[in-house]
PDB file of N, CA and C in Angstrom:
ATOM      1  N   MET A   1     -89.311 106.377 -61.534  1.00  0.00           N
ATOM      2  CA  MET A   1     -89.903 107.540 -60.485  1.00  0.00           C
ATOM      3  C   MET A   1     -88.866 108.339 -59.831  1.00  0.00           C
ATOM      4  N   ASP A   2     -89.126 109.874 -59.971  1.00  0.00           N
ATOM      5  CA  ASP A   2     -88.202 110.741 -59.997  1.00  0.00           C
ATOM      6  C   ASP A   2     -88.535 111.164 -58.832  1.00  0.00           C
ATOM      7  N   VAL A   3     -89.027 110.810 -57.334  1.00  0.00           N
ATOM      8  CA  VAL A   3     -89.459 111.637 -56.310  1.00  0.00           C
ATOM      9  C   VAL A   3     -88.420 112.305 -55.566  1.00  0.00           C
ATOM     10  N   ALA A   4     -87.100 112.003 -55.736  1.00  0.00           N
ATOM     11  CA  ALA A   4     -86.425 112.810 -55.254  1.00  0.00           C
ATOM     12  C   ALA A   4     -86.038 114.106 -55.845  1.00  0.00           C
ATOM     13  N   SER A   5     -86.812 114.647 -57.086  1.00  0.00           N
ATOM     14  CA  SER A   5     -86.636 115.804 -58.046  1.00  0.00           C
ATOM     15  C   SER A   5     -86.795 116.991 -57.263  1.00  0.00           C
ATOM     16  N   GLY A   6     -87.913 116.894 -56.221  1.00  0.00           N
ATOM     17  CA  GLY A   6     -88.199 117.523 -55.550  1.00  0.00           C
ATOM     18  C   GLY A   6     -87.517 119.305 -55.592  1.00  0.00           C
ATOM     19  N   ALA A   7     -87.774 120.102 -54.708  1.00  0.00           N
ATOM     20  CA  ALA A   7     -86.993 121.200 -54.270  1.00  0.00           C
ATOM     21  C   ALA A   7     -85.985 120.957 -53.086  1.00  0.00           C
ATOM     22  N   LEU A   8     -85.299 120.230 -53.188  1.00  0.00           N
ATOM     23  CA  LEU A   8     -84.691 119.471 -51.850  1.00  0.00           C
ATOM     24  C   LEU A   8     -83.552 120.348 -52.080  1.00  0.00           C
ATOM     25  N   ILE A   9     -82.810 120.249 -52.894  1.00  0.00           N
ATOM     26  CA  ILE A   9     -81.200 120.406 -53.428  1.00  0.00           C
ATOM     27  C   ILE A   9     -81.292 121.844 -53.403  1.00  0.00           C
ATOM     28  N   PRO A  10     -82.651 122.463 -53.877  1.00  0.00           N
ATOM     29  CA  PRO A  10     -82.300 123.751 -53.915  1.00  0.00           C
ATOM     30  C   PRO A  10     -82.572 124.338 -53.033  1.00  0.00           C
ATOM     31  N   LEU A  11     -83.456 123.761 -52.043  1.00  0.00           N
ATOM     32  CA  LEU A  11     -83.858 124.111 -50.658  1.00  0.00           C
ATOM     33  C   LEU A  11     -82.805 124.458 -49.932  1.00  0.00           C
ATOM     34  N   ILE A  12     -81.934 123.112 -50.056  1.00  0.00           N
ATOM     35  CA  ILE A  12     -80.961 122.955 -49.259  1.00  0.00           C
ATOM     36  C   ILE A  12     -79.934 124.467 -49.231  1.00  0.00           C
ATOM     37  N   ASN A  13     -79.571 124.275 -50.637  1.00  0.00           N
ATOM     38  CA  ASN A  13     -78.836 125.137 -51.229  1.00  0.00           C
ATOM     39  C   ASN A  13     -79.095 126.766 -50.682  1.00  0.00           C
ATOM     40  N   LYS A  14     -80.289 127.119 -50.729  1.00  0.00           N
ATOM     41  CA  LYS A  14     -80.566 128.443 -50.237  1.00  0.00           C
ATOM     42  C   LYS A  14     -80.331 128.507 -48.963  1.00  0.00           C
ATOM     43  N   LEU A  15     -80.692 127.389 -47.976  1.00  0.00           N
ATOM     44  CA  LEU A  15     -80.541 127.618 -46.407  1.00  0.00           C
ATOM     45  C   LEU A  15     -79.235 127.620 -46.134  1.00  0.00           C
ATOM     46  N   ARG A  16     -77.984 126.969 -46.869  1.00  0.00           N
ATOM     47  CA  ARG A  16     -76.674 126.857 -46.609  1.00  0.00           C
ATOM     48  C   ARG A  16     -76.434 128.666 -47.159  1.00  0.00           C
ATOM     49  N   SER A  17     -77.430 128.950 -48.242  1.00  0.00           N
ATOM     50  CA  SER A  17     -76.811 130.867 -48.508  1.00  0.00           C
ATOM     51  C   SER A  17     -77.317 131.360 -47.228  1.00  0.00           C
ATOM     52  N   LEU A  18     -78.251 131.142 -46.526  1.00  0.00           N
ATOM     53  CA  LEU A  18     -78.576 132.259 -45.418  1.00  0.00           C
ATOM     54  C   LEU A  18     -77.400 131.745 -44.412  1.00  0.00           C
ATOM     55  N   LEU A  19     -76.125 130.853 -44.305  1.00  0.00           N
ATOM     56  CA  LEU A  19     -75.884 130.926 -43.221  1.00  0.00           C
ATOM     57  C   LEU A  19     -74.154 131.751 -43.333  1.00  0.00           C
ATOM     58  N   VAL A  20     -74.521 132.523 -44.476  1.00  0.00           N
ATOM     59  CA  VAL A  20     -73.567 133.338 -44.557  1.00  0.00           C
ATOM     60  C   VAL A  20     -73.460 135.348 -43.633  1.00  0.00           C
ATOM     61  N   ASP A  21     -72.456 135.516 -43.762  1.00  0.00           N
ATOM     62  CA  ASP A  21     -72.601 136.718 -42.330  1.00  0.00           C
ATOM     63  C   ASP A  21     -73.392 137.877 -43.191  1.00  0.00           C
ATOM     64  N   GLU A  22     -73.919 137.376 -44.646  1.00  0.00           N
ATOM     65  CA  GLU A  22     -74.762 138.866 -45.208  1.00  0.00           C
ATOM     66  C   GLU A  22     -76.247 138.726 -44.788  1.00  0.00           C
ATOM     67  N   TYR A  23     -76.778 137.690 -44.186  1.00  0.00           N
ATOM     68  CA  TYR A  23     -77.869 137.634 -43.279  1.00  0.00           C
ATOM     69  C   TYR A  23     -77.638 137.844 -41.874  1.00  0.00           C
ATOM     70  N   ASN A  24     -77.011 137.941 -40.986  1.00  0.00           N
ATOM     71  CA  ASN A  24     -76.534 138.371 -40.110  1.00  0.00           C
ATOM     72  C   ASN A  24     -77.665 137.859 -39.088  1.00  0.00           C
ATOM     73  N   LEU A  25     -77.715 136.216 -38.922  1.00  0.00           N
ATOM     74  CA  LEU A  25     -78.789 135.411 -38.145  1.00  0.00           C
ATOM     75  C   LEU A  25     -78.169 135.329 -36.825  1.00  0.00           C
ATOM     76  N   GLU A  26     -79.169 135.097 -36.180  1.00  0.00           N
ATOM     77  CA  GLU A  26     -78.698 134.950 -34.649  1.00  0.00           C
ATOM     78  C   GLU A  26     -78.228 133.561 -34.729  1.00  0.00           C
ATOM     79  N   LYS A  27     -77.242 132.992 -33.182  1.00  0.00           N
ATOM     80  CA  LYS A  27     -77.033 132.420 -32.966  1.00  0.00           C
ATOM     81  C   LYS A  27     -77.856 130.938 -32.822  1.00  0.00           C
ATOM     82  N   ARG A  28     -79.345 131.275 -32.500  1.00  0.00           N
ATOM     83  CA  ARG A  28     -80.049 130.103 -32.078  1.00  0.00           C
ATOM     84  C   ARG A  28     -80.871 130.050 -33.428  1.00  0.00           C
ATOM     85  N   VAL A  29     -80.516 131.223 -34.084  1.00  0.00           N
ATOM     86  CA  VAL A  29     -81.706 130.796 -35.801  1.00  0.00           C
ATOM     87  C   VAL A  29     -80.553 130.086 -37.075  1.00  0.00           C
ATOM     88  N   LYS A  30     -78.947 130.082 -36.968  1.00  0.00           N
ATOM     89  CA  LYS A  30     -78.037 129.565 -37.395  1.00  0.00           C
ATOM     90  C   LYS A  30     -77.993 128.028 -37.253  1.00  0.00           C
ATOM     91  N   LYS A  31     -78.423 127.574 -35.956  1.00  0.00           N
ATOM     92  CA  LYS A  31     -78.008 126.828 -35.289  1.00  0.00           C
ATOM     93  C   LYS A  31     -79.187 125.897 -35.780  1.00  0.00           C
ATOM     94  N   GLY A  32     -80.790 126.418 -35.738  1.00  0.00           N
ATOM     95  CA  GLY A  32     -81.739 125.356 -36.356  1.00  0.00           C
ATOM     96  C   GLY A  32     -81.574 125.343 -37.288  1.00  0.00           C
ATOM     97  N   VAL A  33     -81.002 126.088 -38.441  1.00  0.00           N
ATOM     98  CA  VAL A  33     -80.753 126.240 -39.956  1.00  0.00           C
ATOM     99  C   VAL A  33     -79.936 124.624 -40.363  1.00  0.00           C
ATOM    100  N   LYS A  34     -78.968 124.781 -39.786  1.00  0.00           N
ATOM    101  CA  LYS A  34     -77.603 124.084 -40.064  1.00  0.00           C
ATOM    102  C   LYS A  34     -78.322 122.181 -39.373  1.00  0.00           C
ATOM    103  N   SER A  35     -79.658 122.633 -38.367  1.00  0.00           N
ATOM    104  CA  SER A  35     -80.302 121.554 -37.835  1.00  0.00           C
ATOM    105  C   SER A  35     -80.826 120.615 -39.322  1.00  0.00           C
ATOM    106  N   LEU A  36     -81.501 121.439 -39.984  1.00  0.00           N
ATOM    107  CA  LEU A  36     -82.736 121.452 -41.202  1.00  0.00           C
ATOM    108  C   LEU A  36     -82.295 121.202 -41.984  1.00  0.00           C
ATOM    109  N   ILE A  37     -80.866 121.621 -42.410  1.00  0.00           N
ATOM    110  CA  ILE A  37     -80.158 121.132 -43.445  1.00  0.00           C
ATOM    111  C   ILE A  37     -79.885 119.853 -43.244  1.00  0.00           C
ATOM    112  N   THR A  38     -79.480 119.233 -41.966  1.00  0.00           N
ATOM    113  CA  THR A  38     -79.059 117.690 -41.751  1.00  0.00           C
ATOM    114  C   THR A  38     -80.157 117.167 -41.938  1.00  0.00           C
ATOM    115  N   GLU A  39     -81.320 117.379 -41.694  1.00  0.00           N
ATOM    116  CA  GLU A  39     -82.358 116.116 -42.033  1.00  0.00           C
ATOM    117  C   GLU A  39     -82.795 116.585 -43.482  1.00  0.00           C
ATOM    118  N   LEU A  40     -83.016 117.706 -44.204  1.00  0.00           N
ATOM    119  CA  LEU A  40     -83.477 117.248 -45.599  1.00  0.00           C
ATOM    120  C   LEU A  40     -82.116 116.827 -46.419  1.00  0.00           C
ATOM    121  N   GLU A  41     -81.124 117.067 -45.819  1.00  0.00           N
ATOM    122  CA  GLU A  41     -79.755 115.981 -46.632  1.00  0.00           C
ATOM    123  C   GLU A  41     -80.146 114.434 -45.932  1.00  0.00           C
ATOM    124  N   MET A  42     -80.708 114.020 -45.403  1.00  0.00           N
ATOM    125  CA  MET A  42     -80.834 112.620 -44.946  1.00  0.00           C
ATOM    126  C   MET A  42     -81.995 112.213 -45.519  1.00  0.00           C
ATOM    127  N   MET A  43     -83.073 113.172 -45.326  1.00  0.00           N
ATOM    128  CA  MET A  43     -84.178 113.262 -46.487  1.00  0.00           C
ATOM    129  C   MET A  43     -84.238 112.381 -47.957  1.00  0.00           C
ATOM    130  N   HIS A  44     -83.652 113.613 -48.638  1.00  0.00           N
ATOM    131  CA  HIS A  44     -82.853 113.645 -49.605  1.00  0.00           C
ATOM    132  C   HIS A  44     -82.278 112.368 -49.973  1.00  0.00           C
ATOM    133  N   ALA A  45     -81.408 111.759 -49.259  1.00  0.00           N
ATOM    134  CA  ALA A  45     -80.791 109.917 -49.457  1.00  0.00           C
ATOM    135  C   ALA A  45     -81.674 109.439 -49.250  1.00  0.00           C
ATOM    136  N   VAL A  46     -82.962 109.490 -48.434  1.00  0.00           N
ATOM    137  CA  VAL A  46     -83.799 108.263 -48.811  1.00  0.00           C
ATOM    138  C   VAL A  46     -84.561 108.571 -49.921  1.00  0.00           C
ATOM    139  N   LEU A  47     -84.998 109.357 -50.155  1.00  0.00           N
ATOM    140  CA  LEU A  47     -85.755 109.626 -51.366  1.00  0.00           C
ATOM    141  C   LEU A  47     -84.924 109.529 -52.984  1.00  0.00           C
ATOM    142  N   ARG A  48     -83.743 109.362 -52.961  1.00  0.00           N
ATOM    143  CA  ARG A  48     -82.671 108.921 -53.791  1.00  0.00           C
ATOM    144  C   ARG A  48     -82.993 107.864 -54.091  1.00  0.00           C
ATOM    145  N   LYS A  49     -82.972 106.821 -52.579  1.00  0.00           N
ATOM    146  CA  LYS A  49     -82.925 105.335 -52.778  1.00  0.00           C
ATOM    147  C   LYS A  49     -84.087 104.665 -53.567  1.00  0.00           C
ATOM    148  N   ILE A  50     -85.227 105.548 -52.782  1.00  0.00           N
ATOM    149  CA  ILE A  50     -86.937 105.368 -53.356  1.00  0.00           C
ATOM    150  C   ILE A  50     -86.992 105.273 -54.449  1.00  0.00           C
ATOM    151  N   GLY A  51     -86.279 106.751 -55.426  1.00  0.00           N
ATOM    152  CA  GLY A  51     -86.219 106.954 -56.890  1.00  0.00           C
ATOM    153  C   GLY A  51     -85.318 106.170 -57.917  1.00  0.00           C
ATOM    154  N   ALA A  52     -84.343 105.323 -57.314  1.00  0.00           N
ATOM    155  CA  ALA A  52     -83.652 104.382 -57.682  1.00  0.00           C
ATOM    156  C   ALA A  52     -84.377 103.094 -57.951  1.00  0.00           C
ATOM    157  N   LYS A  53     -85.457 102.871 -57.979  1.00  0.00           N
ATOM    158  CA  LYS A  53     -86.225 101.378 -57.925  1.00  0.00           C
ATOM    159  C   LYS A  53     -87.478 101.806 -58.154  1.00  0.00           C
ATOM    160  N   PRO A  54     -88.205 100.803 -59.055  1.00  0.00           N
ATOM    161  CA  PRO A  54     -89.985 100.965 -59.224  1.00  0.00           C
ATOM    162  C   PRO A  54     -90.633 100.980 -58.388  1.00  0.00           C
ATOM    163  N   PRO A  55     -91.537 101.637 -58.281  1.00  0.00           N
ATOM    164  CA  PRO A  55     -92.304 102.363 -57.257  1.00  0.00           C
ATOM    165  C   PRO A  55     -92.578 100.925 -57.076  1.00  0.00           C
ATOM    166  N   GLU A  56     -93.792  99.833 -57.266  1.00  0.00           N
ATOM    167  CA  GLU A  56     -93.959  98.868 -57.091  1.00  0.00           C
ATOM    168  C   GLU A  56     -93.250  98.236 -56.316  1.00  0.00           C
ATOM    169  N   GLN A  57     -91.988  98.222 -55.841  1.00  0.00           N
ATOM    170  CA  GLN A  57     -91.429  97.702 -54.892  1.00  0.00           C
ATOM    171  C   GLN A  57     -91.620  98.223 -53.312  1.00  0.00           C
ATOM    172  N   PHE A  58     -92.404  99.208 -53.292  1.00  0.00           N
ATOM    173  CA  PHE A  58     -92.522  99.886 -52.111  1.00  0.00           C
ATOM    174  C   PHE A  58     -94.081 100.027 -51.296  1.00  0.00           C
ATOM    175  N   ASP A  59     -94.087 100.075 -50.233  1.00  0.00           N
ATOM    176  CA  ASP A  59     -95.065 100.039 -50.158  1.00  0.00           C
ATOM    177  C   ASP A  59     -95.876 101.190 -50.041  1.00  0.00           C
ATOM    178  N   GLU A  60     -97.331 101.215 -50.167  1.00  0.00           N
ATOM    179  CA  GLU A  60     -98.150 102.703 -50.812  1.00  0.00           C
ATOM    180  C   GLU A  60     -97.768 103.818 -49.420  1.00  0.00           C
ATOM    181  N   GLN A  61     -97.376 103.548 -48.293  1.00  0.00           N
ATOM    182  CA  GLN A  61     -97.546 104.554 -47.262  1.00  0.00           C
ATOM    183  C   GLN A  61     -95.946 105.133 -47.582  1.00  0.00           C
ATOM    184  N   VAL A  62     -94.844 104.420 -48.322  1.00  0.00           N
ATOM    185  CA  VAL A  62     -93.423 104.884 -48.583  1.00  0.00           C
ATOM    186  C   VAL A  62     -93.795 105.535 -49.473  1.00  0.00           C
ATOM    187  N   LEU A  63     -94.593 105.272 -50.785  1.00  0.00           N
ATOM    188  CA  LEU A  63     -94.804 106.648 -51.726  1.00  0.00           C
ATOM    189  C   LEU A  63     -95.594 107.824 -51.196  1.00  0.00           C
ATOM    190  N   ILE A  64     -96.299 107.638 -50.940  1.00  0.00           N
ATOM    191  CA  ILE A  64     -97.386 108.723 -49.935  1.00  0.00           C
ATOM    192  C   ILE A  64     -96.604 109.625 -49.436  1.00  0.00           C
ATOM    193  N   TRP A  65     -95.514 109.156 -48.250  1.00  0.00           N
ATOM    194  CA  TRP A  65     -94.260 110.031 -47.465  1.00  0.00           C
ATOM    195  C   TRP A  65     -93.322 110.683 -48.559  1.00  0.00           C
ATOM    196  N   ALA A  66     -92.905 109.550 -49.440  1.00  0.00           N
ATOM    197  CA  ALA A  66     -91.924 110.136 -50.570  1.00  0.00           C
ATOM    198  C   ALA A  66     -92.731 111.572 -51.239  1.00  0.00           C
ATOM    199  N   GLY A  67     -93.974 111.780 -51.812  1.00  0.00           N
ATOM    200  CA  GLY A  67     -94.605 112.388 -52.240  1.00  0.00           C
ATOM    201  C   GLY A  67     -94.638 113.720 -51.284  1.00  0.00           C
ATOM    202  N   LYS A  68     -95.174 113.557 -50.001  1.00  0.00           N
ATOM    203  CA  LYS A  68     -95.624 114.746 -49.010  1.00  0.00           C
ATOM    204  C   LYS A  68     -94.422 115.007 -48.695  1.00  0.00           C
ATOM    205  N   VAL A  69     -92.978 114.435 -48.766  1.00  0.00           N
ATOM    206  CA  VAL A  69     -91.724 115.276 -48.449  1.00  0.00           C
ATOM    207  C   VAL A  69     -91.392 116.011 -49.956  1.00  0.00           C
ATOM    208  N   ARG A  70     -91.767 115.911 -50.774  1.00  0.00           N
ATOM    209  CA  ARG A  70     -91.401 116.344 -52.226  1.00  0.00           C
ATOM    210  C   ARG A  70     -92.280 117.893 -52.179  1.00  0.00           C
ATOM    211  N   ASP A  71     -93.768 117.710 -51.724  1.00  0.00           N
ATOM    212  CA  ASP A  71     -94.289 118.663 -51.864  1.00  0.00           C
ATOM    213  C   ASP A  71     -94.258 119.375 -50.515  1.00  0.00           C
ATOM    214  N   LEU A  72     -93.635 119.229 -49.551  1.00  0.00           N
ATOM    215  CA  LEU A  72     -93.376 119.939 -48.450  1.00  0.00           C
ATOM    216  C   LEU A  72     -92.036 120.908 -48.989  1.00  0.00           C
ATOM    217  N   SER A  73     -91.344 120.099 -49.571  1.00  0.00           N
ATOM    218  CA  SER A  73     -89.998 121.076 -50.169  1.00  0.00           C
ATOM    219  C   SER A  73     -90.344 121.950 -50.641  1.00  0.00           C
ATOM    220  N   TYR A  74     -90.880 122.366 -51.722  1.00  0.00           N
ATOM    221  CA  TYR A  74     -91.633 122.941 -52.822  1.00  0.00           C
ATOM    222  C   TYR A  74     -92.270 123.969 -52.082  1.00  0.00           C
ATOM    223  N   ASN A  75     -93.023 124.023 -50.548  1.00  0.00           N
ATOM    224  CA  ASN A  75     -93.532 124.854 -49.893  1.00  0.00           C
ATOM    225  C   ASN A  75     -92.602 125.246 -48.881  1.00  0.00           C
ATOM    226  N   MET A  76     -91.522 124.774 -48.583  1.00  0.00           N
ATOM    227  CA  MET A  76     -90.371 125.546 -47.864  1.00  0.00           C
ATOM    228  C   MET A  76     -89.368 126.131 -48.566  1.00  0.00           C
ATOM    229  N   GLU A  77     -89.620 125.937 -49.964  1.00  0.00           N
ATOM    230  CA  GLU A  77     -88.677 127.035 -50.495  1.00  0.00           C
ATOM    231  C   GLU A  77     -89.341 128.155 -50.940  1.00  0.00           C
ATOM    232  N   ASP A  78     -90.577 128.144 -50.845  1.00  0.00           N
ATOM    233  CA  ASP A  78     -91.364 129.431 -51.184  1.00  0.00           C
ATOM    234  C   ASP A  78     -90.912 130.232 -49.716  1.00  0.00           C
ATOM    235  N   ALA A  79     -91.115 129.607 -48.942  1.00  0.00           N
ATOM    236  CA  ALA A  79     -90.929 130.346 -47.575  1.00  0.00           C
ATOM    237  C   ALA A  79     -89.722 130.602 -47.596  1.00  0.00           C
ATOM    238  N   VAL A  80     -88.710 130.061 -47.886  1.00  0.00           N
ATOM    239  CA  VAL A  80     -87.452 130.211 -47.806  1.00  0.00           C
ATOM    240  C   VAL A  80     -87.019 131.536 -48.493  1.00  0.00           C
ATOM    241  N   ASP A  81     -87.898 131.511 -49.996  1.00  0.00           N
ATOM    242  CA  ASP A  81     -87.594 132.601 -50.887  1.00  0.00           C
ATOM    243  C   ASP A  81     -88.501 133.943 -50.492  1.00  0.00           C
ATOM    244  N   ALA A  82     -89.701 133.724 -49.600  1.00  0.00           N
ATOM    245  CA  ALA A  82     -89.845 134.933 -49.094  1.00  0.00           C
ATOM    246  C   ALA A  82     -88.896 135.463 -48.169  1.00  0.00           C
ATOM    247  N   PHE A  83     -88.748 134.667 -47.203  1.00  0.00           N
ATOM    248  CA  PHE A  83     -87.800 135.487 -46.230  1.00  0.00           C
ATOM    249  C   PHE A  83     -86.209 136.120 -47.001  1.00  0.00           C
ATOM    250  N   ILE A  84     -85.721 135.722 -47.659  1.00  0.00           N
ATOM    251  CA  ILE A  84     -84.686 136.123 -48.395  1.00  0.00           C
ATOM    252  C   ILE A  84     -84.932 137.499 -49.615  1.00  0.00           C
ATOM    253  N   VAL A  85     -86.274 137.353 -49.663  1.00  0.00           N
ATOM    254  CA  VAL A  85     -86.890 139.097 -50.214  1.00  0.00           C
ATOM    255  C   VAL A  85     -86.676 139.665 -49.253  1.00  0.00           C
ATOM    256  N   ARG A  86     -87.611 139.357 -48.149  1.00  0.00           N
ATOM    257  CA  ARG A  86     -88.002 140.240 -47.012  1.00  0.00           C
ATOM    258  C   ARG A  86     -86.055 140.890 -46.062  1.00  0.00           C
ATOM    259  N   GLY A  87     -85.414 140.393 -46.536  1.00  0.00           N
ATOM    260  CA  GLY A  87     -83.838 140.238 -45.832  1.00  0.00           C
ATOM    261  C   GLY A  87     -83.403 141.616 -46.806  1.00  0.00           C
ATOM    262  N   GLU A  88     -83.598 141.271 -48.075  1.00  0.00           N
ATOM    263  CA  GLU A  88     -83.012 142.793 -49.209  1.00  0.00           C
ATOM    264  C   GLU A  88     -83.684 143.232 -49.291  1.00  0.00           C
ATOM    265  N   GLU A  89     -85.094 143.871 -48.666  1.00  0.00           N
ATOM    266  CA  GLU A  89     -85.737 145.045 -48.876  1.00  0.00           C
ATOM    267  C   GLU A  89     -85.290 145.892 -47.909  1.00  0.00           C
TER     268      GLU A  89
END
């Protein structure tokens, strides 16, 4: 079960790229991005632990949460991609 695969690592890397001066984000936005990166890194660590064990070792709610986080990571990556494209126009 590789629930950790999602888009978390690519998403975290894209968020880190937003912190470079090229995007010229406001201070409060940079702070929010940094906070989001920290939260996503913690989620990724938990997902890696879940992914290292057979699914039957977990309650159904843990597996549902892991799937929701994975799905959300793809949606977030799409939103960050759209933001980056708009910033490059």
